Amino acid sequence: MSNNNNDPRTETIAETDNYLAWKAEEPDGETTYHVELNNVTVHFFEEEWKEFLQLARNLE
């Protein structure tokens, strides 16, 4: 299998039995964030991710 430089580099941020949060370093330099909630995946750009984290902190 060849290594394609256009593939994003991914990293798991956190996971539980049912949920997964991960980020991708895109080839264009953009970082995107992804939250998998069972069969739904929500995608965020950096600015949106920061706002989502603020929201999540206020949920407690």
PDB file of N, CA and C in Angstrom:
ATOM      1  N   MET A   1       0.846  -1.170   0.000  1.00  0.00           N
ATOM      2  CA  MET A   1       0.000   0.000   0.000  1.00  0.00           C
ATOM      3  C   MET A   1       0.894   1.236   0.000  1.00  0.00           C
ATOM      4  N   SER A   2       0.646   2.160  -0.909  1.00  0.00           N
ATOM      5  CA  SER A   2       1.485   3.345  -0.992  1.00  0.00           C
ATOM      6  C   SER A   2       0.998   4.402  -0.009  1.00  0.00           C
ATOM      7  N   ASN A   3       1.919   5.251   0.427  1.00  0.00           N
ATOM      8  CA  ASN A   3       1.594   6.340   1.335  1.00  0.00           C
ATOM      9  C   ASN A   3       1.235   7.556   0.495  1.00  0.00           C
ATOM     10  N   ASN A   4      -0.007   7.998   0.559  1.00  0.00           N
ATOM     11  CA  ASN A   4      -0.481   9.130  -0.219  1.00  0.00           C
ATOM     12  C   ASN A   4      -0.367  10.390   0.633  1.00  0.00           C
ATOM     13  N   ASN A   5       0.417  11.385   0.177  1.00  0.00           N
ATOM     14  CA  ASN A   5       0.602  12.608   0.936  1.00  0.00           C
ATOM     15  C   ASN A   5      -0.659  13.462   0.996  1.00  0.00           C
ATOM     16  N   ASN A   6      -1.682  13.130   0.227  1.00  0.00           N
ATOM     17  CA  ASN A   6      -2.932  13.866   0.254  1.00  0.00           C
ATOM     18  C   ASN A   6      -3.905  13.338   1.301  1.00  0.00           C
ATOM     19  N   ASP A   7      -3.545  12.264   1.968  1.00  0.00           N
ATOM     20  CA  ASP A   7      -4.402  11.715   3.018  1.00  0.00           C
ATOM     21  C   ASP A   7      -4.237  12.531   4.293  1.00  0.00           C
ATOM     22  N   PRO A   8      -5.347  12.838   4.975  1.00  0.00           N
ATOM     23  CA  PRO A   8      -5.219  13.578   6.238  1.00  0.00           C
ATOM     24  C   PRO A   8      -4.584  12.712   7.314  1.00  0.00           C
ATOM     25  N   ARG A   9      -3.867  13.347   8.220  1.00  0.00           N
ATOM     26  CA  ARG A   9      -3.284  12.652   9.374  1.00  0.00           C
ATOM     27  C   ARG A   9      -4.298  12.756  10.503  1.00  0.00           C
ATOM     28  N   THR A  10      -4.757  11.631  11.035  1.00  0.00           N
ATOM     29  CA  THR A  10      -5.817  11.636  12.043  1.00  0.00           C
ATOM     30  C   THR A  10      -5.278  11.242  13.415  1.00  0.00           C
ATOM     31  N   GLU A  11      -5.993  11.711  14.434  1.00  0.00           N
ATOM     32  CA  GLU A  11      -5.630  11.406  15.817  1.00  0.00           C
ATOM     33  C   GLU A  11      -6.908  11.324  16.646  1.00  0.00           C
ATOM     34  N   THR A  12      -7.043  10.270  17.427  1.00  0.00           N
ATOM     35  CA  THR A  12      -8.182  10.130  18.334  1.00  0.00           C
ATOM     36  C   THR A  12      -7.979  11.062  19.522  1.00  0.00           C
ATOM     37  N   ILE A  13      -9.001  11.868  19.823  1.00  0.00           N
ATOM     38  CA  ILE A  13      -8.952  12.782  20.956  1.00  0.00           C
ATOM     39  C   ILE A  13      -9.502  12.101  22.201  1.00  0.00           C
ATOM     40  N   ALA A  14     -10.664  11.444  22.067  1.00  0.00           N
ATOM     41  CA  ALA A  14     -11.289  10.742  23.189  1.00  0.00           C
ATOM     42  C   ALA A  14     -12.279   9.736  22.635  1.00  0.00           C
ATOM     43  N   GLU A  15     -12.510   8.662  23.399  1.00  0.00           N
ATOM     44  CA  GLU A  15     -13.530   7.704  22.986  1.00  0.00           C
ATOM     45  C   GLU A  15     -14.090   6.963  24.178  1.00  0.00           C
ATOM     46  N   THR A  16     -15.340   6.561  24.020  1.00  0.00           N
ATOM     47  CA  THR A  16     -16.014   5.706  24.993  1.00  0.00           C
ATOM     48  C   THR A  16     -16.506   4.492  24.218  1.00  0.00           C
ATOM     49  N   ASP A  17     -17.325   3.674  24.860  1.00  0.00           N
ATOM     50  CA  ASP A  17     -17.859   2.506  24.161  1.00  0.00           C
ATOM     51  C   ASP A  17     -18.736   2.891  22.973  1.00  0.00           C
ATOM     52  N   ASN A  18     -19.403   4.051  23.045  1.00  0.00           N
ATOM     53  CA  ASN A  18     -20.363   4.430  22.012  1.00  0.00           C
ATOM     54  C   ASN A  18     -20.002   5.687  21.218  1.00  0.00           C
ATOM     55  N   TYR A  19     -19.043   6.457  21.699  1.00  0.00           N
ATOM     56  CA  TYR A  19     -18.742   7.742  21.069  1.00  0.00           C
ATOM     57  C   TYR A  19     -17.250   7.872  20.783  1.00  0.00           C
ATOM     58  N   LEU A  20     -16.948   8.710  19.784  1.00  0.00           N
ATOM     59  CA  LEU A  20     -15.553   8.912  19.390  1.00  0.00           C
ATOM     60  C   LEU A  20     -15.370  10.345  18.937  1.00  0.00           C
ATOM     61  N   ALA A  21     -14.308  10.996  19.411  1.00  0.00           N
ATOM     62  CA  ALA A  21     -13.922  12.324  18.934  1.00  0.00           C
ATOM     63  C   ALA A  21     -12.521  12.204  18.355  1.00  0.00           C
ATOM     64  N   TRP A  22     -12.348  12.757  17.160  1.00  0.00           N
ATOM     65  CA  TRP A  22     -11.038  12.683  16.516  1.00  0.00           C
ATOM     66  C   TRP A  22     -10.797  13.933  15.685  1.00  0.00           C
ATOM     67  N   LYS A  23      -9.515  14.180  15.381  1.00  0.00           N
ATOM     68  CA  LYS A  23      -9.193  15.331  14.557  1.00  0.00           C
ATOM     69  C   LYS A  23      -8.366  14.883  13.367  1.00  0.00           C
ATOM     70  N   ALA A  24      -8.422  15.696  12.326  1.00  0.00           N
ATOM     71  CA  ALA A  24      -7.689  15.393  11.100  1.00  0.00           C
ATOM     72  C   ALA A  24      -6.891  16.616  10.682  1.00  0.00           C
ATOM     73  N   GLU A  25      -5.610  16.424  10.436  1.00  0.00           N
ATOM     74  CA  GLU A  25      -4.759  17.463   9.868  1.00  0.00           C
ATOM     75  C   GLU A  25      -4.858  17.288   8.363  1.00  0.00           C
ATOM     76  N   GLU A  26      -5.590  18.185   7.729  1.00  0.00           N
ATOM     77  CA  GLU A  26      -5.837  18.088   6.292  1.00  0.00           C
ATOM     78  C   GLU A  26      -4.600  18.516   5.494  1.00  0.00           C
ATOM     79  N   PRO A  27      -4.453  18.017   4.261  1.00  0.00           N
ATOM     80  CA  PRO A  27      -3.293  18.370   3.435  1.00  0.00           C
ATOM     81  C   PRO A  27      -3.159  19.873   3.172  1.00  0.00           C
ATOM     82  N   ASP A  28      -4.273  20.606   3.214  1.00  0.00           N
ATOM     83  CA  ASP A  28      -4.220  22.049   2.964  1.00  0.00           C
ATOM     84  C   ASP A  28      -3.854  22.853   4.211  1.00  0.00           C
ATOM     85  N   GLY A  29      -3.556  22.161   5.322  1.00  0.00           N
ATOM     86  CA  GLY A  29      -3.165  22.824   6.556  1.00  0.00           C
ATOM     87  C   GLY A  29      -4.305  23.056   7.531  1.00  0.00           C
ATOM     88  N   GLU A  30      -5.530  22.848   7.103  1.00  0.00           N
ATOM     89  CA  GLU A  30      -6.712  23.023   7.964  1.00  0.00           C
ATOM     90  C   GLU A  30      -6.810  21.836   8.926  1.00  0.00           C
ATOM     91  N   THR A  31      -7.219  22.115  10.167  1.00  0.00           N
ATOM     92  CA  THR A  31      -7.517  21.057  11.126  1.00  0.00           C
ATOM     93  C   THR A  31      -9.021  20.950  11.251  1.00  0.00           C
ATOM     94  N   THR A  32      -9.543  19.754  11.101  1.00  0.00           N
ATOM     95  CA  THR A  32     -10.972  19.524  11.273  1.00  0.00           C
ATOM     96  C   THR A  32     -11.171  18.558  12.433  1.00  0.00           C
ATOM     97  N   TYR A  33     -12.322  18.704  13.084  1.00  0.00           N
ATOM     98  CA  TYR A  33     -12.658  17.885  14.245  1.00  0.00           C
ATOM     99  C   TYR A  33     -13.948  17.140  13.951  1.00  0.00           C
ATOM    100  N   HIS A  34     -14.067  15.928  14.503  1.00  0.00           N
ATOM    101  CA  HIS A  34     -15.186  15.059  14.188  1.00  0.00           C
ATOM    102  C   HIS A  34     -15.646  14.359  15.463  1.00  0.00           C
ATOM    103  N   VAL A  35     -16.956  14.321  15.655  1.00  0.00           N
ATOM    104  CA  VAL A  35     -17.544  13.610  16.790  1.00  0.00           C
ATOM    105  C   VAL A  35     -18.510  12.586  16.228  1.00  0.00           C
ATOM    106  N   GLU A  36     -18.254  11.317  16.520  1.00  0.00           N
ATOM    107  CA  GLU A  36     -19.127  10.228  16.081  1.00  0.00           C
ATOM    108  C   GLU A  36     -20.021   9.833  17.240  1.00  0.00           C
ATOM    109  N   LEU A  37     -21.331   9.972  17.023  1.00  0.00           N
ATOM    110  CA  LEU A  37     -22.346   9.639  18.017  1.00  0.00           C
ATOM    111  C   LEU A  37     -23.212   8.537  17.434  1.00  0.00           C
ATOM    112  N   ASN A  38     -22.860   7.306  17.729  1.00  0.00           N
ATOM    113  CA  ASN A  38     -23.507   6.146  17.118  1.00  0.00           C
ATOM    114  C   ASN A  38     -23.411   6.260  15.603  1.00  0.00           C
ATOM    115  N   ASN A  39     -24.524   6.441  14.896  1.00  0.00           N
ATOM    116  CA  ASN A  39     -24.460   6.467  13.429  1.00  0.00           C
ATOM    117  C   ASN A  39     -24.459   7.883  12.857  1.00  0.00           C
ATOM    118  N   VAL A  40     -24.212   8.895  13.693  1.00  0.00           N
ATOM    119  CA  VAL A  40     -24.149  10.291  13.248  1.00  0.00           C
ATOM    120  C   VAL A  40     -22.742  10.815  13.496  1.00  0.00           C
ATOM    121  N   THR A  41     -22.184  11.490  12.493  1.00  0.00           N
ATOM    122  CA  THR A  41     -20.890  12.150  12.655  1.00  0.00           C
ATOM    123  C   THR A  41     -21.080  13.637  12.432  1.00  0.00           C
ATOM    124  N   VAL A  42     -20.585  14.437  13.387  1.00  0.00           N
ATOM    125  CA  VAL A  42     -20.645  15.894  13.290  1.00  0.00           C
ATOM    126  C   VAL A  42     -19.233  16.384  12.986  1.00  0.00           C
ATOM    127  N   HIS A  43     -19.111  17.250  11.983  1.00  0.00           N
ATOM    128  CA  HIS A  43     -17.816  17.756  11.537  1.00  0.00           C
ATOM    129  C   HIS A  43     -17.688  19.230  11.905  1.00  0.00           C
ATOM    130  N   PHE A  44     -16.507  19.631  12.367  1.00  0.00           N
ATOM    131  CA  PHE A  44     -16.259  21.005  12.780  1.00  0.00           C
ATOM    132  C   PHE A  44     -14.956  21.519  12.180  1.00  0.00           C
ATOM    133  N   PHE A  45     -14.940  22.793  11.812  1.00  0.00           N
ATOM    134  CA  PHE A  45     -13.686  23.483  11.554  1.00  0.00           C
ATOM    135  C   PHE A  45     -13.175  23.999  12.891  1.00  0.00           C
ATOM    136  N   GLU A  46     -11.936  24.458  12.937  1.00  0.00           N
ATOM    137  CA  GLU A  46     -11.281  24.870  14.186  1.00  0.00           C
ATOM    138  C   GLU A  46     -12.126  25.856  15.005  1.00  0.00           C
ATOM    139  N   GLU A  47     -12.621  26.912  14.388  1.00  0.00           N
ATOM    140  CA  GLU A  47     -13.394  27.924  15.105  1.00  0.00           C
ATOM    141  C   GLU A  47     -14.685  27.341  15.672  1.00  0.00           C
ATOM    142  N   GLU A  48     -15.334  26.486  14.892  1.00  0.00           N
ATOM    143  CA  GLU A  48     -16.568  25.837  15.340  1.00  0.00           C
ATOM    144  C   GLU A  48     -16.289  24.898  16.500  1.00  0.00           C
ATOM    145  N   TRP A  49     -15.167  24.186  16.444  1.00  0.00           N
ATOM    146  CA  TRP A  49     -14.782  23.249  17.495  1.00  0.00           C
ATOM    147  C   TRP A  49     -14.613  23.965  18.826  1.00  0.00           C
ATOM    148  N   LYS A  50     -13.931  25.117  18.794  1.00  0.00           N
ATOM    149  CA  LYS A  50     -13.716  25.882  20.024  1.00  0.00           C
ATOM    150  C   LYS A  50     -15.057  26.310  20.628  1.00  0.00           C
ATOM    151  N   GLU A  51     -15.979  26.739  19.796  1.00  0.00           N
ATOM    152  CA  GLU A  51     -17.300  27.138  20.287  1.00  0.00           C
ATOM    153  C   GLU A  51     -18.069  25.938  20.827  1.00  0.00           C
ATOM    154  N   PHE A  52     -17.959  24.784  20.154  1.00  0.00           N
ATOM    155  CA  PHE A  52     -18.618  23.564  20.622  1.00  0.00           C
ATOM    156  C   PHE A  52     -18.083  23.159  21.995  1.00  0.00           C
ATOM    157  N   LEU A  53     -16.771  23.268  22.210  1.00  0.00           N
ATOM    158  CA  LEU A  53     -16.197  22.928  23.511  1.00  0.00           C
ATOM    159  C   LEU A  53     -16.712  23.852  24.602  1.00  0.00           C
ATOM    160  N   GLN A  54     -16.884  25.135  24.285  1.00  0.00           N
ATOM    161  CA  GLN A  54     -17.479  26.064  25.260  1.00  0.00           C
ATOM    162  C   GLN A  54     -18.891  25.612  25.623  1.00  0.00           C
ATOM    163  N   LEU A  55     -19.659  25.249  24.618  1.00  0.00           N
ATOM    164  CA  LEU A  55     -21.016  24.769  24.851  1.00  0.00           C
ATOM    165  C   LEU A  55     -21.004  23.523  25.739  1.00  0.00           C
ATOM    166  N   ALA A  56     -20.139  22.559  25.410  1.00  0.00           N
ATOM    167  CA  ALA A  56     -20.083  21.304  26.162  1.00  0.00           C
ATOM    168  C   ALA A  56     -19.712  21.533  27.616  1.00  0.00           C
ATOM    169  N   ARG A  57     -18.815  22.485  27.874  1.00  0.00           N
ATOM    170  CA  ARG A  57     -18.418  22.787  29.261  1.00  0.00           C
ATOM    171  C   ARG A  57     -19.603  23.336  30.067  1.00  0.00           C
ATOM    172  N   ASN A  58     -20.513  24.012  29.391  1.00  0.00           N
ATOM    173  CA  ASN A  58     -21.675  24.594  30.079  1.00  0.00           C
ATOM    174  C   ASN A  58     -22.795  23.581  30.299  1.00  0.00           C
ATOM    175  N   LEU A  59     -22.663  22.386  29.815  1.00  0.00           N
ATOM    176  CA  LEU A  59     -23.705  21.382  29.960  1.00  0.00           C
ATOM    177  C   LEU A  59     -23.741  20.758  31.346  1.00  0.00           C
ATOM    178  N   GLU A  60     -22.658  20.819  32.089  1.00  0.00           N
ATOM    179  CA  GLU A  60     -22.618  20.184  33.401  1.00  0.00           C
ATOM    180  C   GLU A  60     -23.448  20.891  34.415  1.00  0.00           C
TER     181      GLU A  60
END
